[in-house]
Amino acid sequence: QVQLVESGGGLVQAGGSLRLSCAASGRTFYSRDVGWFRQPLGKEREFVAAVNWRGGNIYYADFVKGRFTISRDNAKNMVYLQMNSLKPEDTAVYYCAANRVGGRPSRLEDYDYWGQGTQVTVSS
């Protein structure tokens, strides 16, 4: 079992920054890849970024490359998403998720543990 709790969301103006945190618990967390997904209101959940269990392999959706940075600290059981140069279209509920062993980093169906989400709202 893995439990995930996101925090750090909020309201920010366009061009601003936020840092999302994902606190994890569970014996197997350290061995799992972790991803961030987002779901705008009325739209499907989409992949944002992922990091493998060692932290050495990182993946980003094209629309966040150069603006968002994912990182993890296994000693603290934490995963972070630093979001810079935010745009109104980044407004969504952001979720962290733990991937099943061997799952693909950008494939939503390969994640079997999810947090409750944190709202990010970017005003223009």
PDB file of N, CA and C in Angstrom:
ATOM      1  N   GLN A   1       0.824  -1.203   0.000  1.00  0.00           N
ATOM      2  CA  GLN A   1       0.000   0.000   0.000  1.00  0.00           C
ATOM      3  C   GLN A   1       0.856   1.250   0.000  1.00  0.00           C
ATOM      4  N   VAL A   2       0.419   2.239  -0.749  1.00  0.00           N
ATOM      5  CA  VAL A   2       1.080   3.541  -0.792  1.00  0.00           C
ATOM      6  C   VAL A   2       0.007   4.610  -0.595  1.00  0.00           C
ATOM      7  N   GLN A   3       0.266   5.532   0.291  1.00  0.00           N
ATOM      8  CA  GLN A   3      -0.642   6.662   0.478  1.00  0.00           C
ATOM      9  C   GLN A   3       0.062   7.939   0.032  1.00  0.00           C
ATOM     10  N   LEU A   4      -0.671   8.785  -0.667  1.00  0.00           N
ATOM     11  CA  LEU A   4      -0.107  10.003  -1.229  1.00  0.00           C
ATOM     12  C   LEU A   4      -0.964  11.198  -0.846  1.00  0.00           C
ATOM     13  N   VAL A   5      -0.317  12.286  -0.423  1.00  0.00           N
ATOM     14  CA  VAL A   5      -1.040  13.506  -0.059  1.00  0.00           C
ATOM     15  C   VAL A   5      -0.352  14.694  -0.713  1.00  0.00           C
ATOM     16  N   GLU A   6      -1.104  15.390  -1.571  1.00  0.00           N
ATOM     17  CA  GLU A   6      -0.557  16.566  -2.249  1.00  0.00           C
ATOM     18  C   GLU A   6      -0.817  17.833  -1.432  1.00  0.00           C
ATOM     19  N   SER A   7       0.039  18.808  -1.624  1.00  0.00           N
ATOM     20  CA  SER A   7      -0.144  20.123  -1.028  1.00  0.00           C
ATOM     21  C   SER A   7       0.575  21.158  -1.876  1.00  0.00           C
ATOM     22  N   GLY A   8       0.303  22.429  -1.592  1.00  0.00           N
ATOM     23  CA  GLY A   8       1.025  23.496  -2.278  1.00  0.00           C
ATOM     24  C   GLY A   8       0.249  24.208  -3.361  1.00  0.00           C
ATOM     25  N   GLY A   9      -0.949  23.739  -3.652  1.00  0.00           N
ATOM     26  CA  GLY A   9      -1.753  24.413  -4.657  1.00  0.00           C
ATOM     27  C   GLY A   9      -2.250  25.759  -4.153  1.00  0.00           C
ATOM     28  N   GLY A  10      -2.846  26.518  -5.056  1.00  0.00           N
ATOM     29  CA  GLY A  10      -3.373  27.817  -4.676  1.00  0.00           C
ATOM     30  C   GLY A  10      -3.664  28.677  -5.883  1.00  0.00           C
ATOM     31  N   LEU A  11      -3.878  29.963  -5.611  1.00  0.00           N
ATOM     32  CA  LEU A  11      -4.166  30.942  -6.660  1.00  0.00           C
ATOM     33  C   LEU A  11      -2.913  31.764  -6.925  1.00  0.00           C
ATOM     34  N   VAL A  12      -2.548  31.892  -8.190  1.00  0.00           N
ATOM     35  CA  VAL A  12      -1.358  32.648  -8.566  1.00  0.00           C
ATOM     36  C   VAL A  12      -1.641  33.386  -9.866  1.00  0.00           C
ATOM     37  N   GLN A  13      -0.981  34.513 -10.054  1.00  0.00           N
ATOM     38  CA  GLN A  13      -1.133  35.250 -11.301  1.00  0.00           C
ATOM     39  C   GLN A  13      -0.295  34.616 -12.396  1.00  0.00           C
ATOM     40  N   ALA A  14      -0.703  34.854 -13.627  1.00  0.00           N
ATOM     41  CA  ALA A  14       0.058  34.368 -14.771  1.00  0.00           C
ATOM     42  C   ALA A  14       1.504  34.855 -14.671  1.00  0.00           C
ATOM     43  N   GLY A  15       2.429  33.954 -14.964  1.00  0.00           N
ATOM     44  CA  GLY A  15       3.845  34.267 -14.853  1.00  0.00           C
ATOM     45  C   GLY A  15       4.444  33.914 -13.510  1.00  0.00           C
ATOM     46  N   GLY A  16       3.596  33.589 -12.558  1.00  0.00           N
ATOM     47  CA  GLY A  16       4.060  33.261 -11.221  1.00  0.00           C
ATOM     48  C   GLY A  16       4.499  31.819 -11.088  1.00  0.00           C
ATOM     49  N   SER A  17       4.822  31.435  -9.853  1.00  0.00           N
ATOM     50  CA  SER A  17       5.341  30.098  -9.573  1.00  0.00           C
ATOM     51  C   SER A  17       4.616  29.475  -8.392  1.00  0.00           C
ATOM     52  N   LEU A  18       4.564  28.172  -8.395  1.00  0.00           N
ATOM     53  CA  LEU A  18       4.084  27.385  -7.268  1.00  0.00           C
ATOM     54  C   LEU A  18       4.951  26.133  -7.173  1.00  0.00           C
ATOM     55  N   ARG A  19       5.057  25.606  -5.956  1.00  0.00           N
ATOM     56  CA  ARG A  19       5.737  24.335  -5.751  1.00  0.00           C
ATOM     57  C   ARG A  19       4.767  23.376  -5.096  1.00  0.00           C
ATOM     58  N   LEU A  20       4.449  22.328  -5.816  1.00  0.00           N
ATOM     59  CA  LEU A  20       3.584  21.284  -5.276  1.00  0.00           C
ATOM     60  C   LEU A  20       4.437  20.227  -4.591  1.00  0.00           C
ATOM     61  N   SER A  21       3.899  19.698  -3.501  1.00  0.00           N
ATOM     62  CA  SER A  21       4.565  18.632  -2.778  1.00  0.00           C
ATOM     63  C   SER A  21       3.649  17.420  -2.706  1.00  0.00           C
ATOM     64  N   CYS A  22       4.259  16.260  -2.710  1.00  0.00           N
ATOM     65  CA  CYS A  22       3.531  15.008  -2.574  1.00  0.00           C
ATOM     66  C   CYS A  22       4.224  14.201  -1.484  1.00  0.00           C
ATOM     67  N   ALA A  23       3.517  14.037  -0.370  1.00  0.00           N
ATOM     68  CA  ALA A  23       4.049  13.266   0.746  1.00  0.00           C
ATOM     69  C   ALA A  23       3.552  11.837   0.639  1.00  0.00           C
ATOM     70  N   ALA A  24       4.483  10.907   0.707  1.00  0.00           N
ATOM     71  CA  ALA A  24       4.130   9.504   0.508  1.00  0.00           C
ATOM     72  C   ALA A  24       4.416   8.677   1.750  1.00  0.00           C
ATOM     73  N   SER A  25       3.643   7.653   1.915  1.00  0.00           N
ATOM     74  CA  SER A  25       3.915   6.663   2.954  1.00  0.00           C
ATOM     75  C   SER A  25       3.660   5.288   2.370  1.00  0.00           C
ATOM     76  N   GLY A  26       4.259   4.285   2.983  1.00  0.00           N
ATOM     77  CA  GLY A  26       4.113   2.938   2.464  1.00  0.00           C
ATOM     78  C   GLY A  26       5.465   2.334   2.169  1.00  0.00           C
ATOM     79  N   ARG A  27       5.559   1.042   2.406  1.00  0.00           N
ATOM     80  CA  ARG A  27       6.859   0.372   2.321  1.00  0.00           C
ATOM     81  C   ARG A  27       7.451   0.384   0.923  1.00  0.00           C
ATOM     82  N   THR A  28       6.590   0.373  -0.100  1.00  0.00           N
ATOM     83  CA  THR A  28       7.105   0.194  -1.456  1.00  0.00           C
ATOM     84  C   THR A  28       7.282   1.498  -2.212  1.00  0.00           C
ATOM     85  N   PHE A  29       7.043   2.625  -1.546  1.00  0.00           N
ATOM     86  CA  PHE A  29       7.104   3.893  -2.274  1.00  0.00           C
ATOM     87  C   PHE A  29       8.457   4.106  -2.930  1.00  0.00           C
ATOM     88  N   TYR A  30       9.534   3.800  -2.203  1.00  0.00           N
ATOM     89  CA  TYR A  30      10.861   4.131  -2.701  1.00  0.00           C
ATOM     90  C   TYR A  30      11.181   3.406  -4.006  1.00  0.00           C
ATOM     91  N   SER A  31      10.495   2.301  -4.281  1.00  0.00           N
ATOM     92  CA  SER A  31      10.789   1.506  -5.471  1.00  0.00           C
ATOM     93  C   SER A  31       9.869   1.829  -6.646  1.00  0.00           C
ATOM     94  N   ARG A  32       9.000   2.792  -6.474  1.00  0.00           N
ATOM     95  CA  ARG A  32       8.030   3.109  -7.519  1.00  0.00           C
ATOM     96  C   ARG A  32       8.352   4.417  -8.222  1.00  0.00           C
ATOM     97  N   ASP A  33       8.103   4.431  -9.518  1.00  0.00           N
ATOM     98  CA  ASP A  33       8.119   5.691 -10.240  1.00  0.00           C
ATOM     99  C   ASP A  33       6.919   6.520  -9.783  1.00  0.00           C
ATOM    100  N   VAL A  34       7.069   7.834  -9.825  1.00  0.00           N
ATOM    101  CA  VAL A  34       5.986   8.725  -9.389  1.00  0.00           C
ATOM    102  C   VAL A  34       5.702   9.741 -10.478  1.00  0.00           C
ATOM    103  N   GLY A  35       4.446  10.016 -10.692  1.00  0.00           N
ATOM    104  CA  GLY A  35       4.062  10.976 -11.711  1.00  0.00           C
ATOM    105  C   GLY A  35       3.151  12.047 -11.169  1.00  0.00           C
ATOM    106  N   TRP A  36       3.118  13.150 -11.865  1.00  0.00           N
ATOM    107  CA  TRP A  36       2.132  14.211 -11.640  1.00  0.00           C
ATOM    108  C   TRP A  36       1.206  14.255 -12.855  1.00  0.00           C
ATOM    109  N   PHE A  37      -0.067  14.331 -12.562  1.00  0.00           N
ATOM    110  CA  PHE A  37      -1.084  14.473 -13.589  1.00  0.00           C
ATOM    111  C   PHE A  37      -1.932  15.689 -13.233  1.00  0.00           C
ATOM    112  N   ARG A  38      -2.712  16.161 -14.191  1.00  0.00           N
ATOM    113  CA  ARG A  38      -3.618  17.253 -13.890  1.00  0.00           C
ATOM    114  C   ARG A  38      -4.935  17.058 -14.619  1.00  0.00           C
ATOM    115  N   GLN A  39      -5.976  17.634 -14.064  1.00  0.00           N
ATOM    116  CA  GLN A  39      -7.295  17.509 -14.670  1.00  0.00           C
ATOM    117  C   GLN A  39      -7.993  18.857 -14.627  1.00  0.00           C
ATOM    118  N   PRO A  40      -8.029  19.546 -15.769  1.00  0.00           N
ATOM    119  CA  PRO A  40      -8.804  20.794 -15.828  1.00  0.00           C
ATOM    120  C   PRO A  40     -10.288  20.495 -15.681  1.00  0.00           C
ATOM    121  N   LEU A  41     -11.025  21.459 -15.234  1.00  0.00           N
ATOM    122  CA  LEU A  41     -12.457  21.288 -15.036  1.00  0.00           C
ATOM    123  C   LEU A  41     -13.131  20.873 -16.336  1.00  0.00           C
ATOM    124  N   GLY A  42     -13.846  19.775 -16.296  1.00  0.00           N
ATOM    125  CA  GLY A  42     -14.575  19.306 -17.461  1.00  0.00           C
ATOM    126  C   GLY A  42     -13.745  18.584 -18.498  1.00  0.00           C
ATOM    127  N   LYS A  43     -12.472  18.347 -18.203  1.00  0.00           N
ATOM    128  CA  LYS A  43     -11.592  17.682 -19.163  1.00  0.00           C
ATOM    129  C   LYS A  43     -11.006  16.414 -18.565  1.00  0.00           C
ATOM    130  N   GLU A  44     -10.341  15.643 -19.388  1.00  0.00           N
ATOM    131  CA  GLU A  44      -9.738  14.403 -18.922  1.00  0.00           C
ATOM    132  C   GLU A  44      -8.421  14.672 -18.188  1.00  0.00           C
ATOM    133  N   ARG A  45      -8.085  13.731 -17.348  1.00  0.00           N
ATOM    134  CA  ARG A  45      -6.821  13.819 -16.632  1.00  0.00           C
ATOM    135  C   ARG A  45      -5.669  13.578 -17.614  1.00  0.00           C
ATOM    136  N   GLU A  46      -4.608  14.366 -17.480  1.00  0.00           N
ATOM    137  CA  GLU A  46      -3.493  14.265 -18.425  1.00  0.00           C
ATOM    138  C   GLU A  46      -2.158  14.220 -17.699  1.00  0.00           C
ATOM    139  N   PHE A  47      -1.212  13.603 -18.346  1.00  0.00           N
ATOM    140  CA  PHE A  47       0.138  13.458 -17.815  1.00  0.00           C
ATOM    141  C   PHE A  47       0.869  14.792 -17.822  1.00  0.00           C
ATOM    142  N   VAL A  48       1.602  15.056 -16.747  1.00  0.00           N
ATOM    143  CA  VAL A  48       2.407  16.271 -16.645  1.00  0.00           C
ATOM    144  C   VAL A  48       3.895  15.940 -16.581  1.00  0.00           C
ATOM    145  N   ALA A  49       4.275  15.096 -15.628  1.00  0.00           N
ATOM    146  CA  ALA A  49       5.693  14.781 -15.438  1.00  0.00           C
ATOM    147  C   ALA A  49       5.813  13.501 -14.625  1.00  0.00           C
ATOM    148  N   ALA A  50       6.952  12.848 -14.736  1.00  0.00           N
ATOM    149  CA  ALA A  50       7.213  11.636 -13.958  1.00  0.00           C
ATOM    150  C   ALA A  50       8.695  11.510 -13.683  1.00  0.00           C
ATOM    151  N   VAL A  51       8.996  10.834 -12.593  1.00  0.00           N
ATOM    152  CA  VAL A  51      10.390  10.573 -12.221  1.00  0.00           C
ATOM    153  C   VAL A  51      10.486   9.120 -11.785  1.00  0.00           C
ATOM    154  N   ASN A  52      11.561   8.456 -12.199  1.00  0.00           N
ATOM    155  CA  ASN A  52      11.685   7.048 -11.822  1.00  0.00           C
ATOM    156  C   ASN A  52      12.136   6.939 -10.371  1.00  0.00           C
ATOM    157  N   TRP A  53      12.189   5.704  -9.863  1.00  0.00           N
ATOM    158  CA  TRP A  53      12.382   5.544  -8.424  1.00  0.00           C
ATOM    159  C   TRP A  53      13.736   6.036  -7.967  1.00  0.00           C
ATOM    160  N   ARG A  54      14.731   5.987  -8.836  1.00  0.00           N
ATOM    161  CA  ARG A  54      16.057   6.482  -8.463  1.00  0.00           C
ATOM    162  C   ARG A  54      16.177   8.000  -8.620  1.00  0.00           C
ATOM    163  N   GLY A  55      15.278   8.576  -9.402  1.00  0.00           N
ATOM    164  CA  GLY A  55      15.375   9.999  -9.685  1.00  0.00           C
ATOM    165  C   GLY A  55      16.220  10.326 -10.899  1.00  0.00           C
ATOM    166  N   GLY A  56      16.734   9.312 -11.563  1.00  0.00           N
ATOM    167  CA  GLY A  56      17.632   9.556 -12.679  1.00  0.00           C
ATOM    168  C   GLY A  56      16.942   9.723 -14.020  1.00  0.00           C
ATOM    169  N   ASN A  57      15.762   9.190 -14.163  1.00  0.00           N
ATOM    170  CA  ASN A  57      14.999   9.308 -15.414  1.00  0.00           C
ATOM    171  C   ASN A  57      13.780  10.179 -15.176  1.00  0.00           C
ATOM    172  N   ILE A  58      13.678  11.212 -15.972  1.00  0.00           N
ATOM    173  CA  ILE A  58      12.600  12.187 -15.812  1.00  0.00           C
ATOM    174  C   ILE A  58      11.910  12.386 -17.147  1.00  0.00           C
ATOM    175  N   TYR A  59      10.593  12.544 -17.079  1.00  0.00           N
ATOM    176  CA  TYR A  59       9.782  12.680 -18.282  1.00  0.00           C
ATOM    177  C   TYR A  59       8.835  13.862 -18.096  1.00  0.00           C
ATOM    178  N   TYR A  60       8.626  14.599 -19.177  1.00  0.00           N
ATOM    179  CA  TYR A  60       7.715  15.742 -19.135  1.00  0.00           C
ATOM    180  C   TYR A  60       6.776  15.715 -20.336  1.00  0.00           C
ATOM    181  N   ALA A  61       5.574  16.207 -20.103  1.00  0.00           N
ATOM    182  CA  ALA A  61       4.699  16.500 -21.231  1.00  0.00           C
ATOM    183  C   ALA A  61       5.266  17.702 -21.973  1.00  0.00           C
ATOM    184  N   ASP A  62       5.048  17.740 -23.269  1.00  0.00           N
ATOM    185  CA  ASP A  62       5.635  18.822 -24.073  1.00  0.00           C
ATOM    186  C   ASP A  62       5.190  20.198 -23.580  1.00  0.00           C
ATOM    187  N   PHE A  63       3.975  20.296 -23.098  1.00  0.00           N
ATOM    188  CA  PHE A  63       3.452  21.615 -22.764  1.00  0.00           C
ATOM    189  C   PHE A  63       4.040  22.177 -21.466  1.00  0.00           C
ATOM    190  N   VAL A  64       4.846  21.410 -20.724  1.00  0.00           N
ATOM    191  CA  VAL A  64       5.460  21.935 -19.508  1.00  0.00           C
ATOM    192  C   VAL A  64       6.985  21.964 -19.574  1.00  0.00           C
ATOM    193  N   LYS A  65       7.537  21.454 -20.640  1.00  0.00           N
ATOM    194  CA  LYS A  65       8.997  21.433 -20.750  1.00  0.00           C
ATOM    195  C   LYS A  65       9.568  22.842 -20.668  1.00  0.00           C
ATOM    196  N   GLY A  66      10.579  22.973 -19.824  1.00  0.00           N
ATOM    197  CA  GLY A  66      11.215  24.268 -19.636  1.00  0.00           C
ATOM    198  C   GLY A  66      10.551  25.140 -18.587  1.00  0.00           C
ATOM    199  N   ARG A  67       9.371  24.726 -18.124  1.00  0.00           N
ATOM    200  CA  ARG A  67       8.664  25.516 -17.109  1.00  0.00           C
ATOM    201  C   ARG A  67       8.517  24.769 -15.787  1.00  0.00           C
ATOM    202  N   PHE A  68       8.294  23.461 -15.855  1.00  0.00           N
ATOM    203  CA  PHE A  68       8.071  22.651 -14.655  1.00  0.00           C
ATOM    204  C   PHE A  68       9.287  21.749 -14.421  1.00  0.00           C
ATOM    205  N   THR A  69       9.540  21.468 -13.148  1.00  0.00           N
ATOM    206  CA  THR A  69      10.625  20.568 -12.775  1.00  0.00           C
ATOM    207  C   THR A  69      10.129  19.594 -11.714  1.00  0.00           C
ATOM    208  N   ILE A  70      10.275  18.308 -11.979  1.00  0.00           N
ATOM    209  CA  ILE A  70       9.908  17.285 -11.015  1.00  0.00           C
ATOM    210  C   ILE A  70      11.157  16.791 -10.311  1.00  0.00           C
ATOM    211  N   SER A  71      11.011  16.488  -9.027  1.00  0.00           N
ATOM    212  CA  SER A  71      12.136  15.942  -8.272  1.00  0.00           C
ATOM    213  C   SER A  71      11.582  15.083  -7.145  1.00  0.00           C
ATOM    214  N   ARG A  72      12.452  14.271  -6.573  1.00  0.00           N
ATOM    215  CA  ARG A  72      12.024  13.439  -5.456  1.00  0.00           C
ATOM    216  C   ARG A  72      13.139  13.312  -4.439  1.00  0.00           C
ATOM    217  N   ASP A  73      12.742  13.122  -3.198  1.00  0.00           N
ATOM    218  CA  ASP A  73      13.672  12.907  -2.099  1.00  0.00           C
ATOM    219  C   ASP A  73      13.202  11.655  -1.381  1.00  0.00           C
ATOM    220  N   ASN A  74      13.800  10.527  -1.701  1.00  0.00           N
ATOM    221  CA  ASN A  74      13.350   9.260  -1.127  1.00  0.00           C
ATOM    222  C   ASN A  74      13.612   9.188   0.377  1.00  0.00           C
ATOM    223  N   ALA A  75      14.611   9.892   0.844  1.00  0.00           N
ATOM    224  CA  ALA A  75      14.892   9.888   2.281  1.00  0.00           C
ATOM    225  C   ALA A  75      13.747  10.522   3.064  1.00  0.00           C
ATOM    226  N   LYS A  76      13.051  11.448   2.419  1.00  0.00           N
ATOM    227  CA  LYS A  76      11.927  12.132   3.060  1.00  0.00           C
ATOM    228  C   LYS A  76      10.583  11.633   2.548  1.00  0.00           C
ATOM    229  N   ASN A  77      10.598  10.692   1.621  1.00  0.00           N
ATOM    230  CA  ASN A  77       9.358  10.202   1.000  1.00  0.00           C
ATOM    231  C   ASN A  77       8.554  11.339   0.386  1.00  0.00           C
ATOM    232  N   MET A  78       9.244  12.193  -0.351  1.00  0.00           N
ATOM    233  CA  MET A  78       8.599  13.361  -0.946  1.00  0.00           C
ATOM    234  C   MET A  78       8.891  13.434  -2.438  1.00  0.00           C
ATOM    235  N   VAL A  79       7.900  13.930  -3.176  1.00  0.00           N
ATOM    236  CA  VAL A  79       8.066  14.248  -4.586  1.00  0.00           C
ATOM    237  C   VAL A  79       7.553  15.670  -4.779  1.00  0.00           C
ATOM    238  N   TYR A  80       8.242  16.429  -5.611  1.00  0.00           N
ATOM    239  CA  TYR A  80       7.917  17.843  -5.794  1.00  0.00           C
ATOM    240  C   TYR A  80       7.673  18.146  -7.264  1.00  0.00           C
ATOM    241  N   LEU A  81       6.887  19.176  -7.479  1.00  0.00           N
ATOM    242  CA  LEU A  81       6.706  19.712  -8.830  1.00  0.00           C
ATOM    243  C   LEU A  81       6.837  21.223  -8.736  1.00  0.00           C
ATOM    244  N   GLN A  82       7.967  21.733  -9.187  1.00  0.00           N
ATOM    245  CA  GLN A  82       8.188  23.170  -9.239  1.00  0.00           C
ATOM    246  C   GLN A  82       7.606  23.695 -10.543  1.00  0.00           C
ATOM    247  N   MET A  83       6.688  24.625 -10.430  1.00  0.00           N
ATOM    248  CA  MET A  83       6.004  25.151 -11.613  1.00  0.00           C
ATOM    249  C   MET A  83       6.309  26.640 -11.746  1.00  0.00           C
ATOM    250  N   ASN A  84       6.972  26.998 -12.827  1.00  0.00           N
ATOM    251  CA  ASN A  84       7.320  28.390 -13.102  1.00  0.00           C
ATOM    252  C   ASN A  84       6.613  28.863 -14.363  1.00  0.00           C
ATOM    253  N   SER A  85       6.586  30.167 -14.553  1.00  0.00           N
ATOM    254  CA  SER A  85       5.971  30.765 -15.748  1.00  0.00           C
ATOM    255  C   SER A  85       4.568  30.212 -15.976  1.00  0.00           C
ATOM    256  N   LEU A  86       3.787  30.187 -14.936  1.00  0.00           N
ATOM    257  CA  LEU A  86       2.459  29.591 -15.030  1.00  0.00           C
ATOM    258  C   LEU A  86       1.550  30.384 -15.954  1.00  0.00           C
ATOM    259  N   LYS A  87       0.677  29.658 -16.616  1.00  0.00           N
ATOM    260  CA  LYS A  87      -0.273  30.224 -17.569  1.00  0.00           C
ATOM    261  C   LYS A  87      -1.691  29.894 -17.123  1.00  0.00           C
ATOM    262  N   PRO A  88      -2.660  30.676 -17.541  1.00  0.00           N
ATOM    263  CA  PRO A  88      -4.051  30.360 -17.169  1.00  0.00           C
ATOM    264  C   PRO A  88      -4.452  28.940 -17.568  1.00  0.00           C
ATOM    265  N   GLU A  89      -3.922  28.448 -18.672  1.00  0.00           N
ATOM    266  CA  GLU A  89      -4.263  27.092 -19.118  1.00  0.00           C
ATOM    267  C   GLU A  89      -3.658  26.007 -18.242  1.00  0.00           C
ATOM    268  N   ASP A  90      -2.817  26.373 -17.289  1.00  0.00           N
ATOM    269  CA  ASP A  90      -2.304  25.408 -16.313  1.00  0.00           C
ATOM    270  C   ASP A  90      -3.286  25.180 -15.172  1.00  0.00           C
ATOM    271  N   THR A  91      -4.372  25.933 -15.142  1.00  0.00           N
ATOM    272  CA  THR A  91      -5.379  25.769 -14.098  1.00  0.00           C
ATOM    273  C   THR A  91      -5.978  24.372 -14.145  1.00  0.00           C
ATOM    274  N   ALA A  92      -5.915  23.681 -13.009  1.00  0.00           N
ATOM    275  CA  ALA A  92      -6.388  22.293 -12.940  1.00  0.00           C
ATOM    276  C   ALA A  92      -6.233  21.782 -11.518  1.00  0.00           C
ATOM    277  N   VAL A  93      -6.801  20.624 -11.274  1.00  0.00           N
ATOM    278  CA  VAL A  93      -6.472  19.874 -10.067  1.00  0.00           C
ATOM    279  C   VAL A  93      -5.263  19.013 -10.408  1.00  0.00           C
ATOM    280  N   TYR A  94      -4.245  19.091  -9.585  1.00  0.00           N
ATOM    281  CA  TYR A  94      -3.006  18.351  -9.816  1.00  0.00           C
ATOM    282  C   TYR A  94      -2.938  17.168  -8.856  1.00  0.00           C
ATOM    283  N   TYR A  95      -2.609  16.013  -9.418  1.00  0.00           N
ATOM    284  CA  TYR A  95      -2.549  14.772  -8.653  1.00  0.00           C
ATOM    285  C   TYR A  95      -1.152  14.171  -8.754  1.00  0.00           C
ATOM    286  N   CYS A  96      -0.669  13.614  -7.654  1.00  0.00           N
ATOM    287  CA  CYS A  96       0.501  12.756  -7.761  1.00  0.00           C
ATOM    288  C   CYS A  96       0.034  11.311  -7.682  1.00  0.00           C
ATOM    289  N   ALA A  97       0.811  10.447  -8.282  1.00  0.00           N
ATOM    290  CA  ALA A  97       0.430   9.046  -8.370  1.00  0.00           C
ATOM    291  C   ALA A  97       1.678   8.177  -8.383  1.00  0.00           C
ATOM    292  N   ALA A  98       1.518   6.979  -7.857  1.00  0.00           N
ATOM    293  CA  ALA A  98       2.614   6.015  -7.830  1.00  0.00           C
ATOM    294  C   ALA A  98       2.362   4.932  -8.879  1.00  0.00           C
ATOM    295  N   ASN A  99       3.380   4.714  -9.680  1.00  0.00           N
ATOM    296  CA  ASN A  99       3.268   3.774 -10.787  1.00  0.00           C
ATOM    297  C   ASN A  99       3.465   2.342 -10.309  1.00  0.00           C
ATOM    298  N   ARG A 100       2.762   1.425 -10.933  1.00  0.00           N
ATOM    299  CA  ARG A 100       3.024   0.012 -10.656  1.00  0.00           C
ATOM    300  C   ARG A 100       4.391  -0.330 -11.231  1.00  0.00           C
ATOM    301  N   VAL A 101       5.015  -1.339 -10.677  1.00  0.00           N
ATOM    302  CA  VAL A 101       6.349  -1.736 -11.138  1.00  0.00           C
ATOM    303  C   VAL A 101       6.276  -2.135 -12.609  1.00  0.00           C
ATOM    304  N   GLY A 102       7.105  -1.508 -13.402  1.00  0.00           N
ATOM    305  CA  GLY A 102       7.148  -1.810 -14.827  1.00  0.00           C
ATOM    306  C   GLY A 102       6.189  -1.005 -15.672  1.00  0.00           C
ATOM    307  N   GLY A 103       5.435  -0.124 -15.051  1.00  0.00           N
ATOM    308  CA  GLY A 103       4.483   0.672 -15.801  1.00  0.00           C
ATOM    309  C   GLY A 103       5.159   1.772 -16.611  1.00  0.00           C
ATOM    310  N   ARG A 104       4.430   2.260 -17.592  1.00  0.00           N
ATOM    311  CA  ARG A 104       4.961   3.339 -18.418  1.00  0.00           C
ATOM    312  C   ARG A 104       4.730   4.689 -17.750  1.00  0.00           C
ATOM    313  N   PRO A 105       5.694   5.606 -17.803  1.00  0.00           N
ATOM    314  CA  PRO A 105       5.610   6.826 -17.007  1.00  0.00           C
ATOM    315  C   PRO A 105       4.476   7.764 -17.374  1.00  0.00           C
ATOM    316  N   SER A 106       4.064   7.804 -18.636  1.00  0.00           N
ATOM    317  CA  SER A 106       3.041   8.765 -19.036  1.00  0.00           C
ATOM    318  C   SER A 106       1.656   8.152 -19.158  1.00  0.00           C
ATOM    319  N   ARG A 107       1.533   6.876 -18.877  1.00  0.00           N
ATOM    320  CA  ARG A 107       0.266   6.185 -19.089  1.00  0.00           C
ATOM    321  C   ARG A 107      -0.544   6.160 -17.802  1.00  0.00           C
ATOM    322  N   LEU A 108      -1.631   6.870 -17.786  1.00  0.00           N
ATOM    323  CA  LEU A 108      -2.459   7.010 -16.591  1.00  0.00           C
ATOM    324  C   LEU A 108      -2.874   5.655 -16.027  1.00  0.00           C
ATOM    325  N   GLU A 109      -3.175   4.712 -16.922  1.00  0.00           N
ATOM    326  CA  GLU A 109      -3.679   3.403 -16.488  1.00  0.00           C
ATOM    327  C   GLU A 109      -2.630   2.584 -15.746  1.00  0.00           C
ATOM    328  N   ASP A 110      -1.359   2.969 -15.856  1.00  0.00           N
ATOM    329  CA  ASP A 110      -0.295   2.230 -15.197  1.00  0.00           C
ATOM    330  C   ASP A 110      -0.008   2.718 -13.773  1.00  0.00           C
ATOM    331  N   TYR A 111      -0.799   3.661 -13.307  1.00  0.00           N
ATOM    332  CA  TYR A 111      -0.635   4.167 -11.945  1.00  0.00           C
ATOM    333  C   TYR A 111      -1.729   3.569 -11.072  1.00  0.00           C
ATOM    334  N   ASP A 112      -1.348   2.995  -9.937  1.00  0.00           N
ATOM    335  CA  ASP A 112      -2.362   2.332  -9.124  1.00  0.00           C
ATOM    336  C   ASP A 112      -2.599   2.977  -7.763  1.00  0.00           C
ATOM    337  N   TYR A 113      -1.852   4.024  -7.423  1.00  0.00           N
ATOM    338  CA  TYR A 113      -2.123   4.769  -6.203  1.00  0.00           C
ATOM    339  C   TYR A 113      -2.153   6.256  -6.537  1.00  0.00           C
ATOM    340  N   TRP A 114      -3.171   6.941  -6.012  1.00  0.00           N
ATOM    341  CA  TRP A 114      -3.390   8.349  -6.328  1.00  0.00           C
ATOM    342  C   TRP A 114      -3.632   9.149  -5.054  1.00  0.00           C
ATOM    343  N   GLY A 115      -3.184  10.387  -5.076  1.00  0.00           N
ATOM    344  CA  GLY A 115      -3.535  11.309  -4.016  1.00  0.00           C
ATOM    345  C   GLY A 115      -4.911  11.919  -4.273  1.00  0.00           C
ATOM    346  N   GLN A 116      -5.313  12.803  -3.369  1.00  0.00           N
ATOM    347  CA  GLN A 116      -6.651  13.399  -3.484  1.00  0.00           C
ATOM    348  C   GLN A 116      -6.665  14.634  -4.381  1.00  0.00           C
ATOM    349  N   GLY A 117      -5.489  15.145  -4.719  1.00  0.00           N
ATOM    350  CA  GLY A 117      -5.392  16.286  -5.621  1.00  0.00           C
ATOM    351  C   GLY A 117      -5.295  17.615  -4.900  1.00  0.00           C
ATOM    352  N   THR A 118      -4.700  18.588  -5.576  1.00  0.00           N
ATOM    353  CA  THR A 118      -4.604  19.947  -5.052  1.00  0.00           C
ATOM    354  C   THR A 118      -4.919  20.918  -6.191  1.00  0.00           C
ATOM    355  N   GLN A 119      -5.730  21.922  -5.901  1.00  0.00           N
ATOM    356  CA  GLN A 119      -6.189  22.845  -6.936  1.00  0.00           C
ATOM    357  C   GLN A 119      -5.138  23.906  -7.210  1.00  0.00           C
ATOM    358  N   VAL A 120      -4.849  24.114  -8.480  1.00  0.00           N
ATOM    359  CA  VAL A 120      -3.992  25.203  -8.931  1.00  0.00           C
ATOM    360  C   VAL A 120      -4.818  26.088  -9.842  1.00  0.00           C
ATOM    361  N   THR A 121      -4.879  27.375  -9.517  1.00  0.00           N
ATOM    362  CA  THR A 121      -5.629  28.324 -10.320  1.00  0.00           C
ATOM    363  C   THR A 121      -4.704  29.461 -10.718  1.00  0.00           C
ATOM    364  N   VAL A 122      -4.600  29.699 -12.020  1.00  0.00           N
ATOM    365  CA  VAL A 122      -3.737  30.752 -12.543  1.00  0.00           C
ATOM    366  C   VAL A 122      -4.616  31.820 -13.166  1.00  0.00           C
ATOM    367  N   SER A 123      -4.555  33.018 -12.635  1.00  0.00           N
ATOM    368  CA  SER A 123      -5.374  34.114 -13.148  1.00  0.00           C
ATOM    369  C   SER A 123      -4.610  34.894 -14.206  1.00  0.00           C
ATOM    370  N   SER A 124      -5.354  35.440 -15.151  1.00  0.00           N
ATOM    371  CA  SER A 124      -4.716  36.191 -16.251  1.00  0.00           C
ATOM    372  C   SER A 124      -4.549  37.656 -15.890  1.00  0.00           C
TER     373      SER A 124
END
